[in-house]
């Protein structure tokens, strides 16, 4: 018996794809910030990464990019 992809939600597969794309768009800036901070031996690399993820969750892609700009201005030594 095949498993329905919609689970009773209209547009279920499409919403799942949009959600996954959103997660990737939030994870990319966080990945950039973490890699850059660890290469520069920044002791707050994890904190900047968490702030980028939270900014992305609260303010969508714009929030994540705002945290990246703040990192580039303030976080780099």
Protein backbone atom coordinates (compact mmCIF):
# COMPACT_ATOMS: atom_id res chain seq x y z
CA UNK A 1 0.00 0.00 0.00
CA UNK A 2 1.58 3.31 -1.06
CA UNK A 3 2.03 6.04 1.52
CA UNK A 4 0.23 9.25 0.52
CA UNK A 5 2.54 12.24 0.36
CA UNK A 6 -0.10 14.77 1.32
CA UNK A 7 -1.04 13.39 4.74
CA UNK A 8 -4.41 15.11 4.38
CA UNK A 9 -2.91 18.56 3.74
CA UNK A 10 -3.73 20.20 0.41
CA UNK A 11 -0.49 20.99 -1.40
CA UNK A 12 1.52 18.81 0.99
CA UNK A 13 4.44 17.85 -1.27
CA UNK A 14 4.78 21.41 -2.57
CA UNK A 15 4.83 22.82 0.96
CA UNK A 16 7.44 20.26 1.99
CA UNK A 17 9.67 21.24 -0.94
CA UNK A 18 9.32 24.94 -0.11
CA UNK A 19 10.13 24.22 3.54
CA UNK A 20 13.26 22.25 2.59
CA UNK A 21 14.43 25.01 0.24
CA UNK A 22 13.95 27.50 3.07
CA UNK A 23 16.06 25.37 5.40
CA UNK A 24 18.83 25.18 2.82
CA UNK A 25 18.73 28.96 2.32
CA UNK A 26 19.12 29.45 6.06
CA UNK A 27 21.84 26.80 6.40
CA UNK A 28 24.09 28.23 3.67
CA UNK A 29 24.86 31.55 5.43
CA UNK A 30 25.30 29.68 8.73
CA UNK A 31 27.77 27.33 7.07
CA UNK A 32 29.70 30.29 5.62
CA UNK A 33 29.85 32.04 9.00
CA UNK A 34 30.98 28.91 10.85
CA UNK A 35 33.70 28.07 8.32
CA UNK A 36 35.02 31.63 8.23
CA UNK A 37 34.98 31.98 12.01
CA UNK A 38 36.79 28.68 12.59
CA UNK A 39 39.43 29.55 9.97
CA UNK A 40 40.07 32.81 11.82
CA UNK A 41 40.22 30.98 15.19
CA UNK A 42 37.25 32.96 16.50
CA UNK A 43 36.24 31.53 19.86
CA UNK A 44 32.61 32.56 19.23
CA UNK A 45 32.19 30.59 15.99
CA UNK A 46 29.36 28.48 17.38
CA UNK A 47 27.63 31.53 18.81
CA UNK A 48 27.72 33.32 15.45
CA UNK A 49 26.39 30.20 13.75
CA UNK A 50 23.50 29.85 16.18
CA UNK A 51 22.74 33.56 15.81
CA UNK A 52 22.65 33.15 12.03
CA UNK A 53 20.26 30.20 12.26
CA UNK A 54 18.01 32.00 14.75
CA UNK A 55 18.04 35.13 12.59
CA UNK A 56 17.01 32.99 9.65
CA UNK A 57 14.21 31.33 11.58
CA UNK A 58 12.87 34.60 12.95
CA UNK A 59 13.37 36.85 9.96
CA UNK A 60 13.60 34.46 7.03
CA UNK A 61 16.54 34.81 4.65
CA UNK A 62 16.78 38.53 5.31
CA UNK A 63 17.37 37.90 9.03
CA UNK A 64 20.14 35.41 8.30
CA UNK A 65 21.81 37.80 5.88
CA UNK A 66 21.58 40.61 8.45
CA UNK A 67 23.44 38.45 10.96
CA UNK A 68 26.07 37.62 8.30
CA UNK A 69 26.58 41.34 7.66
CA UNK A 70 26.88 41.93 11.42
CA UNK A 71 29.43 39.13 11.60
CA UNK A 72 31.45 40.61 8.75
CA UNK A 73 31.48 44.02 10.45
CA UNK A 74 31.83 43.07 14.12
CA UNK A 75 32.82 39.40 14.36
CA UNK A 76 35.93 39.37 12.23
CA UNK A 77 39.11 40.28 14.06
